């Protein structure tokens, strides 16, 4: 029992550490803040292609997080990157990958596409 408790405490400590470290390089923006800056940035939808086809933010490019490492050449490191997924988990994972590769200006949509009320393109 004490080993399970110890393991649980270690997992919680690691999760808290990652959360605070990620806040240093990934800005989580409200929809209004996101809308203010995404037209001057690289807007990337990191969901899978089928999700993208069912609807995405107007002007977004689809680079699924599962393909991100192979498609880094499509993302300029000198321009801001605005990421979103369905709820926020995959955009955080994408930001972690980009951060490790030297990308600096990383932003994500708070709540993901599910919370987006702006213009949407189908197909």
PDB file of N, CA and C in Angstrom:
ATOM      1  N   UNK A   1       0.819  -1.208   0.000  1.00  0.00           N
ATOM      2  CA  UNK A   1       0.000   0.000   0.000  1.00  0.00           C
ATOM      3  C   UNK A   1       0.857   1.263   0.000  1.00  0.00           C
ATOM      4  N   UNK A   2       1.936   1.265   0.809  1.00  0.00           N
ATOM      5  CA  UNK A   2       2.755   2.477   0.873  1.00  0.00           C
ATOM      6  C   UNK A   2       3.487   2.731  -0.444  1.00  0.00           C
ATOM      7  N   UNK A   3       3.794   1.652  -1.215  1.00  0.00           N
ATOM      8  CA  UNK A   3       4.455   1.850  -2.507  1.00  0.00           C
ATOM      9  C   UNK A   3       3.506   2.474  -3.523  1.00  0.00           C
ATOM     10  N   UNK A   4       2.245   2.096  -3.471  1.00  0.00           N
ATOM     11  CA  UNK A   4       1.238   2.684  -4.359  1.00  0.00           C
ATOM     12  C   UNK A   4       1.082   4.165  -4.045  1.00  0.00           C
ATOM     13  N   UNK A   5       1.021   4.488  -2.772  1.00  0.00           N
ATOM     14  CA  UNK A   5       0.906   5.888  -2.350  1.00  0.00           C
ATOM     15  C   UNK A   5       2.129   6.683  -2.778  1.00  0.00           C
ATOM     16  N   UNK A   6       3.314   6.106  -2.588  1.00  0.00           N
ATOM     17  CA  UNK A   6       4.560   6.779  -2.991  1.00  0.00           C
ATOM     18  C   UNK A   6       4.580   7.009  -4.508  1.00  0.00           C
ATOM     19  N   UNK A   7       4.174   5.997  -5.277  1.00  0.00           N
ATOM     20  CA  UNK A   7       4.125   6.128  -6.734  1.00  0.00           C
ATOM     21  C   UNK A   7       3.148   7.222  -7.143  1.00  0.00           C
ATOM     22  N   UNK A   8       2.015   7.282  -6.478  1.00  0.00           N
ATOM     23  CA  UNK A   8       1.020   8.303  -6.773  1.00  0.00           C
ATOM     24  C   UNK A   8       1.577   9.701  -6.489  1.00  0.00           C
ATOM     25  N   UNK A   9       2.269   9.864  -5.389  1.00  0.00           N
ATOM     26  CA  UNK A   9       2.877  11.155  -5.043  1.00  0.00           C
ATOM     27  C   UNK A   9       3.913  11.560  -6.083  1.00  0.00           C
ATOM     28  N   UNK A  10       4.738  10.610  -6.526  1.00  0.00           N
ATOM     29  CA  UNK A  10       5.755  10.896  -7.552  1.00  0.00           C
ATOM     30  C   UNK A  10       5.092  11.345  -8.854  1.00  0.00           C
ATOM     31  N   UNK A  11       4.030  10.669  -9.261  1.00  0.00           N
ATOM     32  CA  UNK A  11       3.303  11.035 -10.492  1.00  0.00           C
ATOM     33  C   UNK A  11       2.734  12.449 -10.368  1.00  0.00           C
ATOM     34  N   UNK A  12       2.169  12.774  -9.233  1.00  0.00           N
ATOM     35  CA  UNK A  12       1.608  14.115  -9.017  1.00  0.00           C
ATOM     36  C   UNK A  12       2.707  15.173  -9.073  1.00  0.00           C
ATOM     37  N   UNK A  13       3.837  14.919  -8.428  1.00  0.00           N
ATOM     38  CA  UNK A  13       4.957  15.879  -8.437  1.00  0.00           C
ATOM     39  C   UNK A  13       5.454  16.099  -9.858  1.00  0.00           C
ATOM     40  N   UNK A  14       5.618  15.033 -10.625  1.00  0.00           N
ATOM     41  CA  UNK A  14       6.077  15.157 -12.019  1.00  0.00           C
ATOM     42  C   UNK A  14       5.068  15.946 -12.846  1.00  0.00           C
ATOM     43  N   UNK A  15       3.779  15.675 -12.675  1.00  0.00           N
ATOM     44  CA  UNK A  15       2.738  16.395 -13.419  1.00  0.00           C
ATOM     45  C   UNK A  15       2.747  17.885 -13.099  1.00  0.00           C
ATOM     46  N   UNK A  16       2.866  18.225 -11.835  1.00  0.00           N
ATOM     47  CA  UNK A  16       2.907  19.635 -11.426  1.00  0.00           C
ATOM     48  C   UNK A  16       4.144  20.310 -12.006  1.00  0.00           C
ATOM     49  N   UNK A  17       5.285  19.641 -11.938  1.00  0.00           N
ATOM     50  CA  UNK A  17       6.527  20.189 -12.498  1.00  0.00           C
ATOM     51  C   UNK A  17       6.369  20.465 -13.989  1.00  0.00           C
ATOM     52  N   UNK A  18       5.834  19.501 -14.745  1.00  0.00           N
ATOM     53  CA  UNK A  18       5.647  19.676 -16.196  1.00  0.00           C
ATOM     54  C   UNK A  18       4.694  20.828 -16.500  1.00  0.00           C
ATOM     55  N   UNK A  19       3.632  20.935 -15.716  1.00  0.00           N
ATOM     56  CA  UNK A  19       2.656  22.011 -15.916  1.00  0.00           C
ATOM     57  C   UNK A  19       3.330  23.380 -15.791  1.00  0.00           C
ATOM     58  N   UNK A  20       4.094  23.574 -14.723  1.00  0.00           N
ATOM     59  CA  UNK A  20       4.731  24.880 -14.521  1.00  0.00           C
ATOM     60  C   UNK A  20       5.848  25.134 -15.525  1.00  0.00           C
ATOM     61  N   UNK A  21       6.582  24.085 -15.922  1.00  0.00           N
ATOM     62  CA  UNK A  21       7.632  24.264 -16.929  1.00  0.00           C
ATOM     63  C   UNK A  21       7.011  24.640 -18.271  1.00  0.00           C
ATOM     64  N   UNK A  22       5.889  24.012 -18.605  1.00  0.00           N
ATOM     65  CA  UNK A  22       5.241  24.298 -19.887  1.00  0.00           C
ATOM     66  C   UNK A  22       4.716  25.727 -19.936  1.00  0.00           C
ATOM     67  N   UNK A  23       4.284  26.251 -18.810  1.00  0.00           N
ATOM     68  CA  UNK A  23       3.792  27.635 -18.783  1.00  0.00           C
ATOM     69  C   UNK A  23       4.881  28.630 -19.157  1.00  0.00           C
ATOM     70  N   UNK A  24       6.151  28.243 -19.049  1.00  0.00           N
ATOM     71  CA  UNK A  24       7.254  29.130 -19.416  1.00  0.00           C
ATOM     72  C   UNK A  24       7.390  29.311 -20.928  1.00  0.00           C
ATOM     73  N   UNK A  25       6.948  28.339 -21.711  1.00  0.00           N
ATOM     74  CA  UNK A  25       7.131  28.444 -23.161  1.00  0.00           C
ATOM     75  C   UNK A  25       5.834  28.381 -23.964  1.00  0.00           C
ATOM     76  N   UNK A  26       4.707  28.077 -23.345  1.00  0.00           N
ATOM     77  CA  UNK A  26       3.435  27.982 -24.067  1.00  0.00           C
ATOM     78  C   UNK A  26       2.423  28.920 -23.439  1.00  0.00           C
ATOM     79  N   UNK A  27       1.940  29.876 -24.247  1.00  0.00           N
ATOM     80  CA  UNK A  27       0.911  30.795 -23.767  1.00  0.00           C
ATOM     81  C   UNK A  27      -0.462  30.211 -24.115  1.00  0.00           C
ATOM     82  N   UNK A  28      -1.321  30.116 -23.119  1.00  0.00           N
ATOM     83  CA  UNK A  28      -2.695  29.675 -23.348  1.00  0.00           C
ATOM     84  C   UNK A  28      -3.550  30.928 -23.457  1.00  0.00           C
ATOM     85  N   UNK A  29      -4.161  31.106 -24.622  1.00  0.00           N
ATOM     86  CA  UNK A  29      -4.894  32.329 -24.931  1.00  0.00           C
ATOM     87  C   UNK A  29      -6.398  32.103 -24.928  1.00  0.00           C
ATOM     88  N   UNK A  30      -7.126  33.110 -24.460  1.00  0.00           N
ATOM     89  CA  UNK A  30      -8.586  33.074 -24.574  1.00  0.00           C
ATOM     90  C   UNK A  30      -8.934  33.174 -26.060  1.00  0.00           C
ATOM     91  N   UNK A  31     -10.173  32.920 -26.399  1.00  0.00           N
ATOM     92  CA  UNK A  31     -10.572  33.017 -27.805  1.00  0.00           C
ATOM     93  C   UNK A  31     -10.320  34.420 -28.361  1.00  0.00           C
ATOM     94  N   UNK A  32     -10.612  35.452 -27.581  1.00  0.00           N
ATOM     95  CA  UNK A  32     -10.380  36.829 -28.045  1.00  0.00           C
ATOM     96  C   UNK A  32      -8.896  37.093 -28.279  1.00  0.00           C
ATOM     97  N   UNK A  33      -8.051  36.669 -27.355  1.00  0.00           N
ATOM     98  CA  UNK A  33      -6.605  36.854 -27.522  1.00  0.00           C
ATOM     99  C   UNK A  33      -6.102  36.069 -28.725  1.00  0.00           C
ATOM    100  N   UNK A  34      -6.603  34.858 -28.897  1.00  0.00           N
ATOM    101  CA  UNK A  34      -6.217  34.001 -30.009  1.00  0.00           C
ATOM    102  C   UNK A  34      -6.608  34.652 -31.325  1.00  0.00           C
ATOM    103  N   UNK A  35      -7.831  35.179 -31.379  1.00  0.00           N
ATOM    104  CA  UNK A  35      -8.345  35.816 -32.586  1.00  0.00           C
ATOM    105  C   UNK A  35      -7.517  37.052 -32.953  1.00  0.00           C
ATOM    106  N   UNK A  36      -7.046  37.780 -31.943  1.00  0.00           N
ATOM    107  CA  UNK A  36      -6.233  38.985 -32.187  1.00  0.00           C
ATOM    108  C   UNK A  36      -4.948  38.683 -32.940  1.00  0.00           C
ATOM    109  N   UNK A  37      -4.330  37.529 -32.666  1.00  0.00           N
ATOM    110  CA  UNK A  37      -3.004  37.280 -33.212  1.00  0.00           C
ATOM    111  C   UNK A  37      -2.856  36.214 -34.264  1.00  0.00           C
ATOM    112  N   UNK A  38      -3.852  35.340 -34.428  1.00  0.00           N
ATOM    113  CA  UNK A  38      -3.613  34.178 -35.286  1.00  0.00           C
ATOM    114  C   UNK A  38      -3.478  34.501 -36.771  1.00  0.00           C
ATOM    115  N   UNK A  39      -4.020  35.626 -37.228  1.00  0.00           N
ATOM    116  CA  UNK A  39      -3.907  35.958 -38.664  1.00  0.00           C
ATOM    117  C   UNK A  39      -2.492  36.357 -39.049  1.00  0.00           C
ATOM    118  N   UNK A  40      -1.710  36.824 -38.077  1.00  0.00           N
ATOM    119  CA  UNK A  40      -0.322  37.220 -38.338  1.00  0.00           C
ATOM    120  C   UNK A  40       0.639  36.083 -37.997  1.00  0.00           C
ATOM    121  N   UNK A  41       0.107  34.924 -37.674  1.00  0.00           N
ATOM    122  CA  UNK A  41       0.927  33.801 -37.222  1.00  0.00           C
ATOM    123  C   UNK A  41       0.688  32.581 -38.106  1.00  0.00           C
ATOM    124  N   UNK A  42       1.331  31.502 -37.740  1.00  0.00           N
ATOM    125  CA  UNK A  42       1.118  30.214 -38.394  1.00  0.00           C
ATOM    126  C   UNK A  42       0.046  29.491 -37.583  1.00  0.00           C
ATOM    127  N   UNK A  43      -1.124  29.344 -38.151  1.00  0.00           N
ATOM    128  CA  UNK A  43      -2.252  28.720 -37.465  1.00  0.00           C
ATOM    129  C   UNK A  43      -2.274  27.237 -37.810  1.00  0.00           C
ATOM    130  N   UNK A  44      -2.073  26.401 -36.791  1.00  0.00           N
ATOM    131  CA  UNK A  44      -1.937  24.971 -37.041  1.00  0.00           C
ATOM    132  C   UNK A  44      -2.932  24.173 -36.193  1.00  0.00           C
ATOM    133  N   UNK A  45      -3.719  23.382 -36.897  1.00  0.00           N
ATOM    134  CA  UNK A  45      -4.673  22.460 -36.290  1.00  0.00           C
ATOM    135  C   UNK A  45      -3.944  21.124 -36.158  1.00  0.00           C
ATOM    136  N   UNK A  46      -3.729  20.668 -34.927  1.00  0.00           N
ATOM    137  CA  UNK A  46      -2.957  19.442 -34.716  1.00  0.00           C
ATOM    138  C   UNK A  46      -3.838  18.199 -34.557  1.00  0.00           C
ATOM    139  N   UNK A  47      -5.121  18.332 -34.900  1.00  0.00           N
ATOM    140  CA  UNK A  47      -6.026  17.170 -34.856  1.00  0.00           C
ATOM    141  C   UNK A  47      -5.778  16.276 -36.073  1.00  0.00           C
ATOM    142  N   UNK A  48      -6.402  15.131 -36.081  1.00  0.00           N
ATOM    143  CA  UNK A  48      -6.269  14.191 -37.189  1.00  0.00           C
ATOM    144  C   UNK A  48      -7.055  14.698 -38.408  1.00  0.00           C
ATOM    145  N   UNK A  49      -6.653  14.282 -39.624  1.00  0.00           N
ATOM    146  CA  UNK A  49      -7.287  14.791 -40.852  1.00  0.00           C
ATOM    147  C   UNK A  49      -8.804  14.689 -40.883  1.00  0.00           C
ATOM    148  N   UNK A  50      -9.376  13.605 -40.377  1.00  0.00           N
ATOM    149  CA  UNK A  50     -10.840  13.458 -40.401  1.00  0.00           C
ATOM    150  C   UNK A  50     -11.513  14.512 -39.524  1.00  0.00           C
ATOM    151  N   UNK A  51     -10.913  14.815 -38.378  1.00  0.00           N
ATOM    152  CA  UNK A  51     -11.449  15.859 -37.501  1.00  0.00           C
ATOM    153  C   UNK A  51     -11.373  17.212 -38.210  1.00  0.00           C
ATOM    154  N   UNK A  52     -10.257  17.464 -38.886  1.00  0.00           N
ATOM    155  CA  UNK A  52     -10.041  18.715 -39.624  1.00  0.00           C
ATOM    156  C   UNK A  52     -11.102  18.881 -40.712  1.00  0.00           C
ATOM    157  N   UNK A  53     -11.374  17.805 -41.453  1.00  0.00           N
ATOM    158  CA  UNK A  53     -12.381  17.848 -42.530  1.00  0.00           C
ATOM    159  C   UNK A  53     -13.779  18.156 -41.999  1.00  0.00           C
ATOM    160  N   UNK A  54     -14.054  17.738 -40.782  1.00  0.00           N
ATOM    161  CA  UNK A  54     -15.377  17.975 -40.191  1.00  0.00           C
ATOM    162  C   UNK A  54     -15.565  19.419 -39.734  1.00  0.00           C
ATOM    163  N   UNK A  55     -14.513  20.227 -39.808  1.00  0.00           N
ATOM    164  CA  UNK A  55     -14.602  21.632 -39.447  1.00  0.00           C
ATOM    165  C   UNK A  55     -13.341  22.105 -38.769  1.00  0.00           C
ATOM    166  N   UNK A  56     -12.866  23.286 -39.205  1.00  0.00           N
ATOM    167  CA  UNK A  56     -11.652  23.859 -38.632  1.00  0.00           C
ATOM    168  C   UNK A  56     -11.710  25.382 -38.712  1.00  0.00           C
ATOM    169  N   UNK A  57     -10.833  26.036 -37.963  1.00  0.00           N
ATOM    170  CA  UNK A  57     -10.767  27.498 -37.982  1.00  0.00           C
ATOM    171  C   UNK A  57     -10.300  27.940 -39.362  1.00  0.00           C
ATOM    172  N   UNK A  58     -10.988  28.917 -39.911  1.00  0.00           N
ATOM    173  CA  UNK A  58     -10.664  29.451 -41.229  1.00  0.00           C
ATOM    174  C   UNK A  58      -9.200  29.873 -41.286  1.00  0.00           C
ATOM    175  N   UNK A  59      -8.463  29.358 -42.269  1.00  0.00           N
ATOM    176  CA  UNK A  59      -7.056  29.713 -42.450  1.00  0.00           C
ATOM    177  C   UNK A  59      -6.079  28.759 -41.794  1.00  0.00           C
ATOM    178  N   UNK A  60      -6.567  27.748 -41.094  1.00  0.00           N
ATOM    179  CA  UNK A  60      -5.689  26.803 -40.407  1.00  0.00           C
ATOM    180  C   UNK A  60      -5.115  25.772 -41.367  1.00  0.00           C
ATOM    181  N   UNK A  61      -3.890  25.337 -41.046  1.00  0.00           N
ATOM    182  CA  UNK A  61      -3.265  24.217 -41.752  1.00  0.00           C
ATOM    183  C   UNK A  61      -3.357  23.009 -40.851  1.00  0.00           C
ATOM    184  N   UNK A  62      -3.555  21.844 -41.433  1.00  0.00           N
ATOM    185  CA  UNK A  62      -3.656  20.614 -40.648  1.00  0.00           C
ATOM    186  C   UNK A  62      -2.309  19.897 -40.636  1.00  0.00           C
ATOM    187  N   UNK A  63      -1.671  19.899 -39.475  1.00  0.00           N
ATOM    188  CA  UNK A  63      -0.458  19.110 -39.255  1.00  0.00           C
ATOM    189  C   UNK A  63      -0.706  18.332 -37.964  1.00  0.00           C
ATOM    190  N   UNK A  64      -1.232  17.103 -38.091  1.00  0.00           N
ATOM    191  CA  UNK A  64      -1.544  16.320 -36.896  1.00  0.00           C
ATOM    192  C   UNK A  64      -0.321  16.136 -36.002  1.00  0.00           C
ATOM    193  N   UNK A  65      -0.540  16.144 -34.698  1.00  0.00           N
ATOM    194  CA  UNK A  65       0.569  15.986 -33.755  1.00  0.00           C
ATOM    195  C   UNK A  65       1.307  14.676 -34.022  1.00  0.00           C
ATOM    196  N   UNK A  66       0.607  13.672 -34.534  1.00  0.00           N
ATOM    197  CA  UNK A  66       1.235  12.379 -34.842  1.00  0.00           C
ATOM    198  C   UNK A  66       2.227  12.480 -36.007  1.00  0.00           C
ATOM    199  N   UNK A  67       2.135  13.551 -36.821  1.00  0.00           N
ATOM    200  CA  UNK A  67       3.033  13.744 -37.973  1.00  0.00           C
ATOM    201  C   UNK A  67       3.993  14.909 -37.771  1.00  0.00           C
ATOM    202  N   UNK A  68       3.888  15.589 -36.655  1.00  0.00           N
ATOM    203  CA  UNK A  68       4.598  16.854 -36.448  1.00  0.00           C
ATOM    204  C   UNK A  68       6.109  16.740 -36.622  1.00  0.00           C
ATOM    205  N   UNK A  69       6.731  15.750 -36.031  1.00  0.00           N
ATOM    206  CA  UNK A  69       8.198  15.618 -36.120  1.00  0.00           C
ATOM    207  C   UNK A  69       8.667  15.469 -37.560  1.00  0.00           C
ATOM    208  N   UNK A  70       7.875  14.778 -38.385  1.00  0.00           N
ATOM    209  CA  UNK A  70       8.251  14.574 -39.790  1.00  0.00           C
ATOM    210  C   UNK A  70       7.961  15.808 -40.648  1.00  0.00           C
ATOM    211  N   UNK A  71       7.117  16.717 -40.156  1.00  0.00           N
ATOM    212  CA  UNK A  71       6.679  17.857 -40.972  1.00  0.00           C
ATOM    213  C   UNK A  71       7.151  19.204 -40.424  1.00  0.00           C
ATOM    214  N   UNK A  72       8.180  19.195 -39.575  1.00  0.00           N
ATOM    215  CA  UNK A  72       8.686  20.443 -38.988  1.00  0.00           C
ATOM    216  C   UNK A  72       9.114  21.462 -40.033  1.00  0.00           C
ATOM    217  N   UNK A  73       9.571  21.010 -41.198  1.00  0.00           N
ATOM    218  CA  UNK A  73      10.008  21.941 -42.246  1.00  0.00           C
ATOM    219  C   UNK A  73       8.872  22.852 -42.715  1.00  0.00           C
ATOM    220  N   UNK A  74       7.633  22.478 -42.446  1.00  0.00           N
ATOM    221  CA  UNK A  74       6.474  23.279 -42.851  1.00  0.00           C
ATOM    222  C   UNK A  74       6.180  24.425 -41.875  1.00  0.00           C
ATOM    223  N   UNK A  75       6.888  24.454 -40.749  1.00  0.00           N
ATOM    224  CA  UNK A  75       6.635  25.462 -39.722  1.00  0.00           C
ATOM    225  C   UNK A  75       7.881  26.305 -39.520  1.00  0.00           C
ATOM    226  N   UNK A  76       7.730  27.612 -39.728  1.00  0.00           N
ATOM    227  CA  UNK A  76       8.877  28.521 -39.585  1.00  0.00           C
ATOM    228  C   UNK A  76       9.142  28.808 -38.110  1.00  0.00           C
ATOM    229  N   UNK A  77      10.408  28.657 -37.681  1.00  0.00           N
ATOM    230  CA  UNK A  77      10.732  28.927 -36.276  1.00  0.00           C
ATOM    231  C   UNK A  77      10.780  30.417 -35.927  1.00  0.00           C
ATOM    232  N   UNK A  78      10.833  31.284 -36.938  1.00  0.00           N
ATOM    233  CA  UNK A  78      10.964  32.724 -36.700  1.00  0.00           C
ATOM    234  C   UNK A  78       9.617  33.445 -36.644  1.00  0.00           C
ATOM    235  N   UNK A  79       8.515  32.726 -36.785  1.00  0.00           N
ATOM    236  CA  UNK A  79       7.184  33.338 -36.726  1.00  0.00           C
ATOM    237  C   UNK A  79       6.371  32.704 -35.602  1.00  0.00           C
ATOM    238  N   UNK A  80       5.435  33.470 -35.025  1.00  0.00           N
ATOM    239  CA  UNK A  80       4.589  32.895 -33.968  1.00  0.00           C
ATOM    240  C   UNK A  80       3.803  31.693 -34.472  1.00  0.00           C
ATOM    241  N   UNK A  81       3.600  30.726 -33.592  1.00  0.00           N
ATOM    242  CA  UNK A  81       2.837  29.522 -33.910  1.00  0.00           C
ATOM    243  C   UNK A  81       1.608  29.491 -33.005  1.00  0.00           C
ATOM    244  N   UNK A  82       0.435  29.393 -33.620  1.00  0.00           N
ATOM    245  CA  UNK A  82      -0.831  29.292 -32.897  1.00  0.00           C
ATOM    246  C   UNK A  82      -1.362  27.879 -33.129  1.00  0.00           C
ATOM    247  N   UNK A  83      -1.498  27.142 -32.050  1.00  0.00           N
ATOM    248  CA  UNK A  83      -1.899  25.742 -32.116  1.00  0.00           C
ATOM    249  C   UNK A  83      -3.286  25.549 -31.523  1.00  0.00           C
ATOM    250  N   UNK A  84      -3.995  24.574 -32.051  1.00  0.00           N
ATOM    251  CA  UNK A  84      -5.226  24.142 -31.394  1.00  0.00           C
ATOM    252  C   UNK A  84      -5.532  22.702 -31.764  1.00  0.00           C
ATOM    253  N   UNK A  85      -6.282  22.051 -30.883  1.00  0.00           N
ATOM    254  CA  UNK A  85      -6.781  20.704 -31.127  1.00  0.00           C
ATOM    255  C   UNK A  85      -8.232  20.699 -30.654  1.00  0.00           C
ATOM    256  N   UNK A  86      -8.765  19.570 -30.304  1.00  0.00           N
ATOM    257  CA  UNK A  86     -10.161  19.526 -29.874  1.00  0.00           C
ATOM    258  C   UNK A  86     -10.352  20.192 -28.508  1.00  0.00           C
ATOM    259  N   UNK A  87      -9.468  19.864 -27.554  1.00  0.00           N
ATOM    260  CA  UNK A  87      -9.665  20.398 -26.202  1.00  0.00           C
ATOM    261  C   UNK A  87      -8.427  21.022 -25.567  1.00  0.00           C
ATOM    262  N   UNK A  88      -7.246  20.727 -26.085  1.00  0.00           N
ATOM    263  CA  UNK A  88      -6.021  21.329 -25.547  1.00  0.00           C
ATOM    264  C   UNK A  88      -4.892  20.366 -25.255  1.00  0.00           C
ATOM    265  N   UNK A  89      -5.181  19.085 -25.089  1.00  0.00           N
ATOM    266  CA  UNK A  89      -4.139  18.119 -24.735  1.00  0.00           C
ATOM    267  C   UNK A  89      -3.130  17.916 -25.870  1.00  0.00           C
ATOM    268  N   UNK A  90      -3.611  17.748 -27.092  1.00  0.00           N
ATOM    269  CA  UNK A  90      -2.694  17.511 -28.216  1.00  0.00           C
ATOM    270  C   UNK A  90      -1.918  18.765 -28.585  1.00  0.00           C
ATOM    271  N   UNK A  91      -2.521  19.947 -28.429  1.00  0.00           N
ATOM    272  CA  UNK A  91      -1.771  21.175 -28.724  1.00  0.00           C
ATOM    273  C   UNK A  91      -0.659  21.366 -27.697  1.00  0.00           C
ATOM    274  N   UNK A  92      -0.870  20.927 -26.465  1.00  0.00           N
ATOM    275  CA  UNK A  92       0.202  20.978 -25.467  1.00  0.00           C
ATOM    276  C   UNK A  92       1.330  20.036 -25.850  1.00  0.00           C
ATOM    277  N   UNK A  93       0.983  18.852 -26.322  1.00  0.00           N
ATOM    278  CA  UNK A  93       2.006  17.886 -26.754  1.00  0.00           C
ATOM    279  C   UNK A  93       2.767  18.445 -27.965  1.00  0.00           C
ATOM    280  N   UNK A  94       2.053  19.068 -28.900  1.00  0.00           N
ATOM    281  CA  UNK A  94       2.694  19.664 -30.073  1.00  0.00           C
ATOM    282  C   UNK A  94       3.643  20.786 -29.649  1.00  0.00           C
ATOM    283  N   UNK A  95       3.216  21.605 -28.708  1.00  0.00           N
ATOM    284  CA  UNK A  95       4.071  22.695 -28.218  1.00  0.00           C
ATOM    285  C   UNK A  95       5.336  22.150 -27.581  1.00  0.00           C
ATOM    286  N   UNK A  96       5.208  21.053 -26.863  1.00  0.00           N
ATOM    287  CA  UNK A  96       6.380  20.436 -26.236  1.00  0.00           C
ATOM    288  C   UNK A  96       7.383  19.996 -27.304  1.00  0.00           C
ATOM    289  N   UNK A  97       6.901  19.382 -28.368  1.00  0.00           N
ATOM    290  CA  UNK A  97       7.763  18.949 -29.477  1.00  0.00           C
ATOM    291  C   UNK A  97       8.440  20.162 -30.110  1.00  0.00           C
ATOM    292  N   UNK A  98       7.661  21.197 -30.413  1.00  0.00           N
ATOM    293  CA  UNK A  98       8.207  22.395 -31.055  1.00  0.00           C
ATOM    294  C   UNK A  98       9.213  23.106 -30.147  1.00  0.00           C
ATOM    295  N   UNK A  99       8.909  23.181 -28.868  1.00  0.00           N
ATOM    296  CA  UNK A  99       9.823  23.818 -27.911  1.00  0.00           C
ATOM    297  C   UNK A  99      11.175  23.103 -27.901  1.00  0.00           C
ATOM    298  N   UNK A 100      11.151  21.782 -27.891  1.00  0.00           N
ATOM    299  CA  UNK A 100      12.398  20.998 -27.897  1.00  0.00           C
ATOM    300  C   UNK A 100      13.209  21.232 -29.165  1.00  0.00           C
ATOM    301  N   UNK A 101      12.521  21.617 -30.250  1.00  0.00           N
ATOM    302  CA  UNK A 101      13.203  21.878 -31.524  1.00  0.00           C
ATOM    303  C   UNK A 101      13.602  23.348 -31.680  1.00  0.00           C
ATOM    304  N   UNK A 102      13.391  24.162 -30.636  1.00  0.00           N
ATOM    305  CA  UNK A 102      13.860  25.540 -30.653  1.00  0.00           C
ATOM    306  C   UNK A 102      12.836  26.605 -31.009  1.00  0.00           C
ATOM    307  N   UNK A 103      11.581  26.238 -31.180  1.00  0.00           N
ATOM    308  CA  UNK A 103      10.550  27.223 -31.482  1.00  0.00           C
ATOM    309  C   UNK A 103      10.253  28.011 -30.205  1.00  0.00           C
ATOM    310  N   UNK A 104      10.059  29.329 -30.360  1.00  0.00           N
ATOM    311  CA  UNK A 104       9.938  30.199 -29.188  1.00  0.00           C
ATOM    312  C   UNK A 104       8.525  30.718 -28.933  1.00  0.00           C
ATOM    313  N   UNK A 105       7.873  31.282 -29.934  1.00  0.00           N
ATOM    314  CA  UNK A 105       6.585  31.962 -29.738  1.00  0.00           C
ATOM    315  C   UNK A 105       5.442  30.979 -29.963  1.00  0.00           C
ATOM    316  N   UNK A 106       5.111  30.221 -28.909  1.00  0.00           N
ATOM    317  CA  UNK A 106       4.104  29.165 -29.003  1.00  0.00           C
ATOM    318  C   UNK A 106       2.860  29.552 -28.216  1.00  0.00           C
ATOM    319  N   UNK A 107       1.710  29.396 -28.852  1.00  0.00           N
ATOM    320  CA  UNK A 107       0.432  29.794 -28.272  1.00  0.00           C
ATOM    321  C   UNK A 107      -0.595  28.705 -28.543  1.00  0.00           C
ATOM    322  N   UNK A 108      -1.530  28.538 -27.603  1.00  0.00           N
ATOM    323  CA  UNK A 108      -2.605  27.577 -27.828  1.00  0.00           C
ATOM    324  C   UNK A 108      -3.939  28.203 -27.454  1.00  0.00           C
ATOM    325  N   UNK A 109      -4.986  27.691 -28.084  1.00  0.00           N
ATOM    326  CA  UNK A 109      -6.349  28.151 -27.836  1.00  0.00           C
ATOM    327  C   UNK A 109      -6.890  27.474 -26.585  1.00  0.00           C
ATOM    328  N   UNK A 110      -7.263  28.269 -25.605  1.00  0.00           N
ATOM    329  CA  UNK A 110      -7.818  27.737 -24.354  1.00  0.00           C
ATOM    330  C   UNK A 110      -9.120  26.989 -24.651  1.00  0.00           C
ATOM    331  N   UNK A 111      -9.188  25.744 -24.215  1.00  0.00           N
ATOM    332  CA  UNK A 111     -10.391  24.942 -24.435  1.00  0.00           C
ATOM    333  C   UNK A 111     -10.460  24.277 -25.795  1.00  0.00           C
ATOM    334  N   UNK A 112      -9.554  24.633 -26.702  1.00  0.00           N
ATOM    335  CA  UNK A 112      -9.502  24.010 -28.015  1.00  0.00           C
ATOM    336  C   UNK A 112     -10.658  24.371 -28.933  1.00  0.00           C
ATOM    337  N   UNK A 113     -10.755  23.636 -30.022  1.00  0.00           N
ATOM    338  CA  UNK A 113     -11.759  23.888 -31.063  1.00  0.00           C
ATOM    339  C   UNK A 113     -13.187  23.752 -30.533  1.00  0.00           C
ATOM    340  N   UNK A 114     -13.375  22.918 -29.527  1.00  0.00           N
ATOM    341  CA  UNK A 114     -14.712  22.728 -28.948  1.00  0.00           C
ATOM    342  C   UNK A 114     -15.279  24.034 -28.402  1.00  0.00           C
ATOM    343  N   UNK A 115     -14.406  24.935 -27.967  1.00  0.00           N
ATOM    344  CA  UNK A 115     -14.847  26.201 -27.375  1.00  0.00           C
ATOM    345  C   UNK A 115     -14.872  27.351 -28.397  1.00  0.00           C
ATOM    346  N   UNK A 116     -14.392  27.118 -29.613  1.00  0.00           N
ATOM    347  CA  UNK A 116     -14.287  28.162 -30.637  1.00  0.00           C
ATOM    348  C   UNK A 116     -15.668  28.589 -31.122  1.00  0.00           C
ATOM    349  N   UNK A 117     -15.904  29.894 -31.156  1.00  0.00           N
ATOM    350  CA  UNK A 117     -17.197  30.416 -31.641  1.00  0.00           C
ATOM    351  C   UNK A 117     -17.029  31.225 -32.927  1.00  0.00           C
ATOM    352  N   UNK A 118     -15.797  31.363 -33.410  1.00  0.00           N
ATOM    353  CA  UNK A 118     -15.525  32.163 -34.615  1.00  0.00           C
ATOM    354  C   UNK A 118     -15.833  31.403 -35.895  1.00  0.00           C
ATOM    355  N   UNK A 119     -15.332  31.934 -37.003  1.00  0.00           N
ATOM    356  CA  UNK A 119     -15.598  31.343 -38.306  1.00  0.00           C
ATOM    357  C   UNK A 119     -14.975  29.945 -38.422  1.00  0.00           C
ATOM    358  N   UNK A 120     -15.747  29.071 -39.048  1.00  0.00           N
ATOM    359  CA  UNK A 120     -15.330  27.678 -39.229  1.00  0.00           C
ATOM    360  C   UNK A 120     -15.496  27.324 -40.694  1.00  0.00           C
ATOM    361  N   UNK A 121     -14.544  26.571 -41.225  1.00  0.00           N
ATOM    362  CA  UNK A 121     -14.615  26.072 -42.601  1.00  0.00           C
ATOM    363  C   UNK A 121     -14.810  24.563 -42.558  1.00  0.00           C
ATOM    364  N   UNK A 122     -15.713  24.077 -43.365  1.00  0.00           N
ATOM    365  CA  UNK A 122     -15.936  22.628 -43.483  1.00  0.00           C
ATOM    366  C   UNK A 122     -15.130  22.120 -44.659  1.00  0.00           C
ATOM    367  N   UNK A 123     -14.613  20.882 -44.534  1.00  0.00           N
ATOM    368  CA  UNK A 123     -13.921  20.259 -45.664  1.00  0.00           C
ATOM    369  C   UNK A 123     -12.556  20.592 -45.762  1.00  0.00           C
TER     370      UNK A 123
END
